[in-house]
């Protein structure tokens, strides 16, 4: 995969994660979370979701960008090795 394709995928993934984050804040945190009873049976999973979703979104974006950078570095090293051999 070329560097441009990886960068394009990273930008699209970043935009998708931003949209997911906006939906999370506007729908889950603002509307659904206040409806949950703190002493109810589903309070623990909801609180865990409230804490994990931002971490998962940030980890996903970070992993995609690390993959883009690592792929570009790998491609450049491959080009350098080809130039040295000839």
Protein backbone atom coordinates (compact mmCIF):
# COMPACT_ATOMS: atom_id res chain seq x y z
CA UNK A 1 0.00 0.00 0.00
CA UNK A 2 1.40 3.35 -0.95
CA UNK A 3 2.00 6.17 1.48
CA UNK A 4 -0.79 8.24 -0.06
CA UNK A 5 -3.28 5.42 0.35
CA UNK A 6 -2.23 4.94 3.97
CA UNK A 7 -2.56 8.67 4.64
CA UNK A 8 -5.97 8.73 2.99
CA UNK A 9 -7.09 5.81 5.14
CA UNK A 10 -5.74 7.57 8.24
CA UNK A 11 -7.61 10.80 7.46
CA UNK A 12 -10.85 8.93 6.83
CA UNK A 13 -10.38 6.92 10.03
CA UNK A 14 -9.68 10.09 11.98
CA UNK A 15 -12.82 11.74 10.63
CA UNK A 16 -14.86 8.61 11.39
CA UNK A 17 -13.49 8.55 14.94
CA UNK A 18 -14.33 12.23 15.35
CA UNK A 19 -17.89 11.55 14.22
CA UNK A 20 -18.02 8.62 16.65
CA UNK A 21 -16.77 10.88 19.43
CA UNK A 22 -19.37 13.53 18.63
CA UNK A 23 -22.12 10.89 18.66
CA UNK A 24 -20.77 9.54 21.94
CA UNK A 25 -20.86 12.97 23.60
CA UNK A 26 -24.15 14.15 22.13
CA UNK A 27 -26.13 10.93 22.44
CA UNK A 28 -24.61 8.75 25.14
CA UNK A 29 -23.15 11.26 27.58
CA UNK A 30 -25.80 13.95 27.21
CA UNK A 31 -28.97 11.88 26.82
CA UNK A 32 -28.55 8.24 27.88
CA UNK A 33 -26.11 8.55 30.80
CA UNK A 34 -28.35 10.85 32.89
CA UNK A 35 -31.20 8.32 32.57
CA UNK A 36 -29.22 5.55 34.28
CA UNK A 37 -29.93 5.04 37.96
CA UNK A 38 -26.58 5.05 39.87
CA UNK A 39 -27.78 2.21 42.09
CA UNK A 40 -29.40 0.15 39.33
CA UNK A 41 -28.30 -3.19 37.95
CA UNK A 42 -26.92 -1.67 34.74
CA UNK A 43 -25.05 1.18 36.37
CA UNK A 44 -21.69 -0.61 36.45
CA UNK A 45 -21.59 -1.49 32.71
CA UNK A 46 -22.77 1.99 31.76
CA UNK A 47 -20.10 3.63 33.90
CA UNK A 48 -17.47 1.34 32.34
CA UNK A 49 -18.71 2.28 28.87
CA UNK A 50 -18.55 5.93 29.79
CA UNK A 51 -14.88 5.49 30.73
CA UNK A 52 -13.80 3.08 27.97
CA UNK A 53 -15.27 4.62 24.81
CA UNK A 54 -12.96 7.68 24.76
CA UNK A 55 -9.95 5.46 25.44
CA UNK A 56 -10.93 3.08 22.65
CA UNK A 57 -11.46 5.92 20.16
CA UNK A 58 -8.14 7.54 21.05
CA UNK A 59 -6.30 4.19 20.87
CA UNK A 60 -7.80 3.51 17.46
CA UNK A 61 -6.70 6.87 16.06
CA UNK A 62 -3.23 6.50 17.58
CA UNK A 63 -2.83 2.98 16.20
CA UNK A 64 -3.84 4.07 12.70
CA UNK A 65 -1.38 6.96 12.65
CA UNK A 66 1.43 4.78 14.02
CA UNK A 67 0.65 2.29 11.25
CA UNK A 68 0.83 5.08 8.63
CA UNK A 69 4.16 6.37 9.93
CA UNK A 70 5.66 2.90 10.33
CA UNK A 71 4.55 1.94 6.82
CA UNK A 72 6.09 5.07 5.32
CA UNK A 73 9.36 4.44 7.14
CA UNK A 74 9.37 0.82 5.99
CA UNK A 75 8.74 1.86 2.38
CA UNK A 76 11.56 4.41 2.48
CA UNK A 77 13.98 1.86 3.92
CA UNK A 78 13.02 -0.56 1.17
CA UNK A 79 13.73 2.10 -1.47
CA UNK A 80 17.09 2.88 0.16
CA UNK A 81 18.04 -0.81 0.17
CA UNK A 82 17.20 -1.08 -3.51
CA UNK A 83 19.36 1.93 -4.30
CA UNK A 84 22.33 0.55 -2.32
CA UNK A 85 22.22 -2.84 -4.06
CA UNK A 86 22.46 -1.38 -7.54
